[in-house]
Amino acid sequence: MSCRVLDTVHQPIRQAKFEVTDPIGRRVVSGETDPYGGFAAAVPEGEYRLSVTAEGYAPFHGATLVGDPAQPGTAEIILDAVEPPLLPQPGHWELDPTHSSIGFTARHIGFARIHGRFTTFAGAVRIAERMEDSSMHVIIDAASIDTGLRMRDDHLRSADFLDAARHPTVEFYSERFIHRSGSRWAVAGALTLHGVSRSVTLDTQYLGNGTGLEGEPRAACRATAELHREDFGLNWQSILAQGIAAIGSSVEVELDVQIVHKA
């Protein structure tokens, strides 16, 4: 099976995601298109479903028959561009903690994952006339960390990790909003954690805006980042008998955020 993914003016779409499934929905192969918009996969003869998605384009879903003499050569799939969601109106916005979450995931004993969150935080966003000139500030109560196990949470609050008594807050100040494509943005700034500041970039997907139940303007986004805890002086470690670290060095952070316009 081979295919090229193109836009409406027949330019290749690189890094489009494709997935091939069998008739009962089991995934056979998946991946991304090359710099020329192409992909190829060796599969047995038969009927398959093909899905192709790319940022800023309408998705494609269709059936294909591998081994059909009537479908020789490389097929072409044309994706139609879609308009990105309208950006929020300029002005001052506040993060709504009741409709937002700040979570994280860390590796445990080499293969398991521990999920946690911070339950207390606040933030403000200034949307500029030119979106790239916007700014944001988020402050998190370090002691509000919650992984669902009190003994573990107390250890994370201690001097071995966050040292919440000496460093009660985690703060992020943005420095730049960078448009990548479609609804994708990069928000670069400085994260201060455990008393140490480092440059961090949030990979952000803008989800659009709307109106709340009381008529208030709202906007939403989802953002992720990967942090290395040693960069912030969080060096505590315990090595198990097999030589495996009890806690991994990298932490995946995920934010689901709603902001509300301030009158």
Protein backbone atom coordinates (compact mmCIF):
# COMPACT_ATOMS: atom_id res chain seq x y z
CA MET A 1 0.00 0.00 0.00
CA SER A 2 1.46 3.37 -1.00
CA CYS A 3 0.00 6.86 -0.96
CA ARG A 4 0.84 10.55 -1.17
CA VAL A 5 -0.98 13.14 0.94
CA LEU A 6 -1.38 16.54 -0.74
CA ASP A 7 -3.18 19.82 -0.15
CA THR A 8 -5.63 21.36 -2.62
CA VAL A 9 -2.81 22.92 -4.69
CA HIS A 10 -1.00 19.55 -4.81
CA GLN A 11 1.72 20.46 -2.34
CA PRO A 12 2.89 17.58 -0.11
CA ILE A 13 1.75 17.53 3.50
CA ARG A 14 4.60 16.28 5.66
CA GLN A 15 4.13 14.62 9.05
CA ALA A 16 0.48 13.85 8.39
CA LYS A 17 -0.55 10.96 10.60
CA PHE A 18 -1.95 7.84 8.97
CA GLU A 19 -3.49 4.68 10.38
CA VAL A 20 -4.46 1.49 8.57
CA THR A 21 -7.01 -0.81 10.22
CA ASP A 22 -8.59 -4.11 9.22
CA PRO A 23 -12.36 -4.52 8.65
CA ILE A 24 -13.05 -5.10 12.37
CA GLY A 25 -11.09 -2.03 13.49
CA ARG A 26 -7.76 -3.57 14.55
CA ARG A 27 -4.77 -1.34 13.79
CA VAL A 28 -2.41 -2.88 11.22
CA VAL A 29 0.13 -0.09 10.79
CA SER A 30 0.47 3.62 11.55
CA GLY A 31 2.99 6.41 11.16
CA GLU A 32 3.66 9.79 9.54
CA THR A 33 4.19 10.93 5.97
CA ASP A 34 7.71 11.75 4.77
CA PRO A 35 8.89 15.19 3.52
CA TYR A 36 7.27 14.43 0.15
CA GLY A 37 3.91 13.61 1.72
CA GLY A 38 4.29 9.91 1.04
CA PHE A 39 4.04 6.70 2.99
CA ALA A 40 4.20 3.02 2.14
CA ALA A 41 3.33 -0.09 4.11
CA ALA A 42 3.69 -3.78 3.35
CA VAL A 43 0.41 -5.51 4.21
CA PRO A 44 -1.27 -8.73 3.02
CA GLU A 45 -3.84 -8.52 0.26
CA GLY A 46 -7.26 -7.59 1.50
CA GLU A 47 -9.64 -4.77 2.43
CA TYR A 48 -8.55 -2.02 4.83
CA ARG A 49 -9.67 1.28 6.27
CA LEU A 50 -7.29 4.22 5.94
CA SER A 51 -7.41 7.35 8.10
CA VAL A 52 -5.22 10.42 7.51
CA THR A 53 -5.10 13.49 9.75
CA ALA A 54 -2.98 16.65 9.68
CA GLU A 55 -3.04 19.84 11.69
CA GLY A 56 -5.10 22.49 9.90
CA TYR A 57 -6.77 20.03 7.49
CA ALA A 58 -10.02 18.09 7.44
CA PRO A 59 -9.39 14.37 8.17
CA PHE A 60 -9.70 11.66 5.53
CA HIS A 61 -11.35 8.28 6.14
CA GLY A 62 -11.80 5.73 3.37
CA ALA A 63 -11.62 2.10 2.30
CA THR A 64 -8.90 0.61 0.14
CA LEU A 65 -8.41 -2.81 -1.40
CA VAL A 66 -4.80 -4.02 -1.52
CA GLY A 67 -4.11 -6.39 -4.40
CA ASP A 68 -6.86 -5.00 -6.65
CA PRO A 69 -5.46 -4.76 -10.23
CA ALA A 70 -7.75 -1.79 -10.80
CA GLN A 71 -5.85 0.23 -8.14
CA PRO A 72 -2.19 0.01 -9.18
CA GLY A 73 0.56 2.49 -8.27
CA THR A 74 0.55 5.25 -5.71
CA ALA A 75 -2.77 6.75 -4.71
CA GLU A 76 -3.21 10.45 -3.92
CA ILE A 77 -5.25 11.82 -1.04
CA ILE A 78 -6.22 15.50 -1.13
CA LEU A 79 -6.89 17.13 2.23
CA ASP A 80 -8.97 20.31 2.44
CA ALA A 81 -7.68 23.09 4.68
CA VAL A 82 -9.91 24.13 7.57
CA GLU A 83 -10.03 27.52 9.23
CA PRO A 84 -8.49 27.58 12.70
CA PRO A 85 -10.81 28.62 15.55
CA LEU A 86 -11.22 32.34 16.20
CA LEU A 87 -8.72 33.69 18.69
CA PRO A 88 -9.98 35.20 21.97
CA GLN A 89 -10.67 38.92 21.96
CA PRO A 90 -7.92 41.24 23.23
CA GLY A 91 -8.06 42.13 26.89
CA HIS A 92 -7.46 40.66 30.33
CA TRP A 93 -8.52 37.09 31.05
CA GLU A 94 -8.39 34.97 34.21
CA LEU A 95 -7.82 31.23 34.50
CA ASP A 96 -10.94 29.43 35.77
CA PRO A 97 -9.68 26.81 38.25
CA THR A 98 -13.07 25.10 38.50
CA HIS A 99 -12.92 24.22 34.79
CA SER A 100 -9.16 23.69 34.49
CA SER A 101 -6.63 21.09 35.55
CA ILE A 102 -2.85 20.93 35.95
CA GLY A 103 -1.64 17.34 36.00
CA PHE A 104 1.57 15.38 35.65
CA THR A 105 2.79 11.86 35.01
CA ALA A 106 6.02 10.30 36.30
CA ARG A 107 7.61 6.90 35.78
CA HIS A 108 7.69 4.52 38.74
CA ILE A 109 10.10 1.56 39.06
CA GLY A 110 10.94 1.74 35.39
CA PHE A 111 7.64 0.75 33.80
CA ALA A 112 4.59 1.93 35.80
CA ARG A 113 3.24 5.46 35.69
CA ILE A 114 2.02 7.61 38.55
CA HIS A 115 -0.54 10.32 37.79
CA GLY A 116 -0.92 13.42 39.94
CA ARG A 117 -2.26 16.94 39.91
CA PHE A 118 -2.17 20.27 41.69
CA THR A 119 -5.51 21.24 43.18
CA THR A 120 -4.87 24.93 43.93
CA PHE A 121 -3.66 27.40 41.31
CA ALA A 122 -4.48 30.74 39.67
CA GLY A 123 -3.49 32.53 36.52
CA ALA A 124 -3.94 35.58 34.32
CA VAL A 125 -3.60 36.02 30.57
CA ARG A 126 -3.31 39.29 28.66
CA ILE A 127 -4.45 38.82 25.06
CA ALA A 128 -2.84 41.46 22.85
CA GLU A 129 -4.13 42.86 19.55
CA ARG A 130 -1.40 40.74 17.96
CA MET A 131 -1.62 37.30 19.54
CA GLU A 132 2.16 36.84 19.46
CA ASP A 133 2.48 39.81 21.87
CA SER A 134 0.25 38.20 24.51
CA SER A 135 1.48 37.12 27.95
CA MET A 136 0.46 34.87 30.82
CA HIS A 137 1.33 34.19 34.44
CA VAL A 138 0.35 31.03 36.33
CA ILE A 139 1.01 30.42 40.03
CA ILE A 140 0.55 27.01 41.70
CA ASP A 141 0.38 26.10 45.39
CA ALA A 142 3.14 23.48 45.69
CA ALA A 143 1.56 21.97 48.81
CA SER A 144 -1.61 21.18 46.87
CA ILE A 145 0.07 18.25 45.07
CA ASP A 146 -2.20 15.19 45.01
CA THR A 147 -1.36 11.71 43.72
CA GLY A 148 -4.10 9.93 45.65
CA LEU A 149 -1.80 8.56 48.36
CA ARG A 150 -1.24 10.70 51.46
CA MET A 151 2.12 9.19 52.46
CA ARG A 152 3.51 9.74 48.96
CA ASP A 153 2.10 13.28 48.80
CA ASP A 154 3.71 14.16 52.15
CA HIS A 155 7.04 12.89 50.80
CA LEU A 156 6.65 14.99 47.64
CA ARG A 157 5.98 18.09 49.77
CA SER A 158 9.08 17.42 51.91
CA ALA A 159 12.64 18.72 51.45
CA ASP A 160 13.42 15.61 49.35
CA PHE A 161 11.29 16.98 46.52
CA LEU A 162 9.26 20.21 46.30
CA ASP A 163 10.27 21.48 49.76
CA ALA A 164 6.93 23.31 49.92
CA ALA A 165 7.75 24.92 53.26
CA ARG A 166 10.66 26.87 51.72
CA HIS A 167 9.30 27.12 48.16
CA PRO A 168 5.52 27.38 48.53
CA THR A 169 4.75 28.25 44.90
CA VAL A 170 5.50 27.05 41.39
CA GLU A 171 5.28 29.88 38.83
CA PHE A 172 5.33 30.23 35.07
CA TYR A 173 5.83 33.55 33.26
CA SER A 174 5.48 33.49 29.49
CA GLU A 175 7.97 35.32 27.28
CA ARG A 176 6.69 34.56 23.78
CA PHE A 177 3.63 33.18 21.99
CA ILE A 178 4.78 31.49 18.77
CA HIS A 179 2.31 30.36 16.11
CA ARG A 180 3.28 26.99 14.65
CA SER A 181 0.39 26.03 12.38
CA GLY A 182 -3.38 25.93 12.46
CA SER A 183 -4.45 25.90 16.10
CA ARG A 184 -0.96 24.93 17.35
CA TRP A 185 1.08 27.41 19.38
CA ALA A 186 4.26 27.31 21.42
CA VAL A 187 4.23 29.31 24.65
CA ALA A 188 7.81 29.88 25.77
CA GLY A 189 8.65 31.21 29.21
CA ALA A 190 10.35 30.72 32.55
CA LEU A 191 9.25 28.09 35.06
CA THR A 192 10.31 28.54 38.67
CA LEU A 193 10.16 25.27 40.62
CA HIS A 194 11.91 24.41 43.88
CA GLY A 195 13.48 27.88 43.79
CA VAL A 196 15.14 27.23 40.39
CA SER A 197 14.12 28.96 37.14
CA ARG A 198 14.48 27.28 33.76
CA SER A 199 13.24 28.01 30.23
CA VAL A 200 10.25 25.85 29.32
CA THR A 201 8.10 25.69 26.17
CA LEU A 202 4.49 24.58 26.35
CA ASP A 203 3.26 22.74 23.24
CA THR A 204 -0.22 24.25 23.08
CA GLN A 205 -3.36 23.48 21.13
CA TYR A 206 -5.92 26.28 21.10
CA LEU A 207 -9.40 24.74 21.30
CA GLY A 208 -11.53 27.81 20.54
CA ASN A 209 -13.82 30.19 22.40
CA GLY A 210 -17.45 30.38 23.36
CA THR A 211 -19.91 31.70 25.92
CA GLY A 212 -20.51 30.36 29.43
CA LEU A 213 -23.82 29.76 31.17
CA GLU A 214 -23.93 33.35 32.44
CA GLY A 215 -23.00 34.87 29.10
CA GLU A 216 -19.32 35.32 29.94
CA PRO A 217 -16.75 34.93 27.13
CA ARG A 218 -14.57 31.83 27.58
CA ALA A 219 -11.65 30.28 25.73
CA ALA A 220 -9.85 26.97 26.15
CA CYS A 221 -6.53 25.34 25.36
CA ARG A 222 -4.58 22.17 26.08
CA ALA A 223 -0.80 22.25 26.68
CA THR A 224 1.94 19.73 27.39
CA ALA A 225 5.61 19.85 28.33
CA GLU A 226 8.32 17.44 29.42
CA LEU A 227 10.43 18.43 32.42
CA HIS A 228 13.58 16.87 33.81
CA ARG A 229 13.41 17.13 37.57
CA GLU A 230 17.19 17.25 38.02
CA ASP A 231 17.14 20.59 36.14
CA PHE A 232 15.26 22.01 39.12
CA GLY A 233 17.39 20.46 41.84
CA LEU A 234 14.97 17.60 42.53
CA ASN A 235 17.71 15.01 42.84
CA TRP A 236 16.32 12.57 45.42
CA GLN A 237 16.50 9.01 44.19
CA SER A 238 16.23 5.48 45.47
CA ILE A 239 17.66 2.57 43.50
CA LEU A 240 15.89 -0.78 43.74
CA ALA A 241 17.69 -4.10 44.15
CA GLN A 242 17.59 -4.73 40.39
CA GLY A 243 19.39 -1.42 39.77
CA ILE A 244 16.19 0.27 38.59
CA ALA A 245 15.46 3.84 39.68
CA ALA A 246 12.35 4.09 41.82
CA ILE A 247 11.34 7.36 40.12
CA GLY A 248 12.15 8.41 36.56
CA SER A 249 14.00 11.61 35.77
CA SER A 250 11.42 13.03 33.33
CA VAL A 251 7.96 14.30 34.21
CA GLU A 252 5.20 14.87 31.66
CA VAL A 253 3.02 17.89 32.45
CA GLU A 254 -0.44 18.37 30.97
CA LEU A 255 -2.71 21.40 31.31
CA ASP A 256 -6.37 21.69 30.34
CA VAL A 257 -7.25 25.33 30.77
CA GLN A 258 -10.28 27.55 30.46
CA ILE A 259 -9.92 31.31 30.74
CA VAL A 260 -12.69 33.85 31.39
CA HIS A 261 -12.70 37.41 30.09
CA LYS A 262 -12.56 40.10 32.76
CA ALA A 263 -15.00 42.94 32.24
